[in-house]
């Protein structure tokens, strides 16, 4: 890993394609973990654990209840690029009792933010 480049970046507009390539290949090669703040419309992309990205967003002023973790798979197209699972999603107090985001409305918000900030499943170049 390049010591001068962060392993997690926070984006509020479309991530640079080369940055996405770098972050995807840093840990998992075929996917990148990310956490979205559904209220602030930002995402922390990259890293080995969703909890690390979550910590960055919390330090930047996000509320825990607005943060949801997912995995992005470039090259799998619009319908296959998002996996709505993360340990940080287990929140019984919010009605989410599993790693999978269970609320279809929240999944829709995650999908919209993923498409606008990260991509729509197109292959990396």
Protein backbone atom coordinates (compact mmCIF):
# COMPACT_ATOMS: atom_id res chain seq x y z
CA UNK A 1 0.00 0.00 0.00
CA UNK A 2 1.24 3.48 -0.85
CA UNK A 3 2.10 5.12 2.50
CA UNK A 4 1.35 8.63 1.22
CA UNK A 5 -2.20 7.82 0.08
CA UNK A 6 -4.94 7.16 2.63
CA UNK A 7 -6.57 3.74 2.61
CA UNK A 8 -9.99 5.35 3.18
CA UNK A 9 -11.22 8.47 1.43
CA UNK A 10 -14.35 10.49 2.12
CA UNK A 11 -16.22 11.60 -0.99
CA UNK A 12 -19.13 13.97 -1.46
CA UNK A 13 -18.95 13.90 -5.25
CA UNK A 14 -18.07 11.15 -7.74
CA UNK A 15 -14.84 9.40 -6.79
CA UNK A 16 -12.01 9.63 -9.30
CA UNK A 17 -11.92 6.35 -11.28
CA UNK A 18 -8.19 5.85 -10.63
CA UNK A 19 -8.74 6.37 -6.90
CA UNK A 20 -11.44 3.69 -7.00
CA UNK A 21 -9.02 1.33 -8.76
CA UNK A 22 -6.42 1.99 -6.04
CA UNK A 23 -8.85 1.49 -3.15
CA UNK A 24 -10.41 -1.64 -4.69
CA UNK A 25 -7.06 -3.33 -5.21
CA UNK A 26 -5.66 -2.34 -1.80
CA UNK A 27 -7.35 -5.11 0.20
CA UNK A 28 -9.86 -7.25 -1.70
CA UNK A 29 -9.03 -6.88 -5.43
CA UNK A 30 -12.60 -7.40 -6.66
CA UNK A 31 -14.49 -5.13 -4.25
CA UNK A 32 -14.22 -2.16 -1.93
CA UNK A 33 -15.92 -1.63 1.41
CA UNK A 34 -17.68 1.65 2.08
CA UNK A 35 -19.95 3.41 4.55
CA UNK A 36 -22.54 5.99 3.53
CA UNK A 37 -24.10 8.74 5.58
CA UNK A 38 -27.64 8.81 4.18
CA UNK A 39 -28.34 12.25 5.67
CA UNK A 40 -25.13 14.07 4.72
CA UNK A 41 -24.78 12.33 1.31
CA UNK A 42 -21.14 11.37 1.80
CA UNK A 43 -19.30 8.06 1.68
CA UNK A 44 -16.09 6.79 3.26
CA UNK A 45 -14.63 4.41 0.68
CA UNK A 46 -11.88 1.86 1.24
CA UNK A 47 -10.16 0.18 4.13
CA UNK A 48 -10.18 -3.30 5.52
CA UNK A 49 -13.10 -2.88 7.94
CA UNK A 50 -16.37 -0.99 7.67
CA UNK A 51 -15.78 0.08 11.29
CA UNK A 52 -12.72 2.09 10.24
CA UNK A 53 -14.70 4.04 7.63
CA UNK A 54 -17.53 4.46 10.14
CA UNK A 55 -15.08 5.93 12.67
CA UNK A 56 -13.87 8.51 10.14
CA UNK A 57 -17.43 9.64 9.38
CA UNK A 58 -18.37 9.81 13.07
CA UNK A 59 -15.30 11.99 13.72
CA UNK A 60 -16.45 14.26 10.87
CA UNK A 61 -19.86 14.83 12.47
CA UNK A 62 -22.03 11.99 11.17
CA UNK A 63 -24.61 10.38 13.42
CA UNK A 64 -24.41 6.63 14.02
CA UNK A 65 -28.06 6.18 13.04
CA UNK A 66 -27.33 7.62 9.56
CA UNK A 67 -24.38 5.33 8.74
CA UNK A 68 -24.74 2.11 6.76
CA UNK A 69 -22.05 -0.23 5.48
CA UNK A 70 -21.95 -1.99 2.13
CA UNK A 71 -19.58 -3.52 -0.41
CA UNK A 72 -19.14 -2.33 -3.98
CA UNK A 73 -18.20 -4.77 -6.77
CA UNK A 74 -17.00 -3.04 -9.95
CA UNK A 75 -17.83 -4.87 -13.17
CA UNK A 76 -20.99 -6.55 -11.90
CA UNK A 77 -23.41 -4.06 -13.42
CA UNK A 78 -26.20 -2.00 -11.87
CA UNK A 79 -28.04 -4.95 -10.32
CA UNK A 80 -25.03 -6.82 -8.92
CA UNK A 81 -22.59 -4.19 -7.74
CA UNK A 82 -23.91 -3.55 -4.22
CA UNK A 83 -23.90 -5.96 -1.29
CA UNK A 84 -25.82 -4.38 1.59
CA UNK A 85 -24.05 -6.25 4.39
CA UNK A 86 -21.76 -5.13 7.19
CA UNK A 87 -21.30 -5.79 10.88
CA UNK A 88 -21.99 -2.10 11.55
CA UNK A 89 -25.52 -2.59 10.21
CA UNK A 90 -26.56 -4.75 13.17
CA UNK A 91 -28.78 -2.32 15.10
CA UNK A 92 -31.69 -3.87 16.95
CA UNK A 93 -32.70 -0.46 18.36
CA UNK A 94 -33.27 0.72 14.77
CA UNK A 95 -35.04 -2.47 13.76
CA UNK A 96 -32.08 -3.90 11.82
CA UNK A 97 -31.20 -7.20 13.47
CA UNK A 98 -28.77 -8.56 10.89
CA UNK A 99 -25.74 -7.53 8.87
CA UNK A 100 -28.02 -7.04 5.87
CA UNK A 101 -29.79 -3.69 5.59
CA UNK A 102 -33.38 -4.85 5.92
CA UNK A 103 -35.32 -1.62 5.23
CA UNK A 104 -35.98 -1.27 1.46
CA UNK A 105 -36.09 2.53 1.82
CA UNK A 106 -32.63 2.65 3.37
CA UNK A 107 -31.32 0.23 0.72
CA UNK A 108 -32.71 2.62 -1.91
CA UNK A 109 -30.87 5.55 -0.32
CA UNK A 110 -27.64 3.53 -0.21
CA UNK A 111 -28.10 2.55 -3.86
CA UNK A 112 -28.67 6.16 -4.95
CA UNK A 113 -25.60 7.37 -3.04
CA UNK A 114 -23.50 4.49 -4.37
CA UNK A 115 -24.43 5.30 -7.96
CA UNK A 116 -23.76 9.03 -7.54
CA UNK A 117 -20.56 8.78 -5.46
CA UNK A 118 -18.90 5.50 -6.46
CA UNK A 119 -20.36 3.95 -9.59
CA UNK A 120 -23.05 1.84 -11.20
CA UNK A 121 -21.13 -1.41 -11.44
CA UNK A 122 -19.10 -0.54 -14.50
CA UNK A 123 -15.76 -2.32 -14.91
CA UNK A 124 -12.62 -0.65 -13.62
CA UNK A 125 -10.28 0.55 -16.33
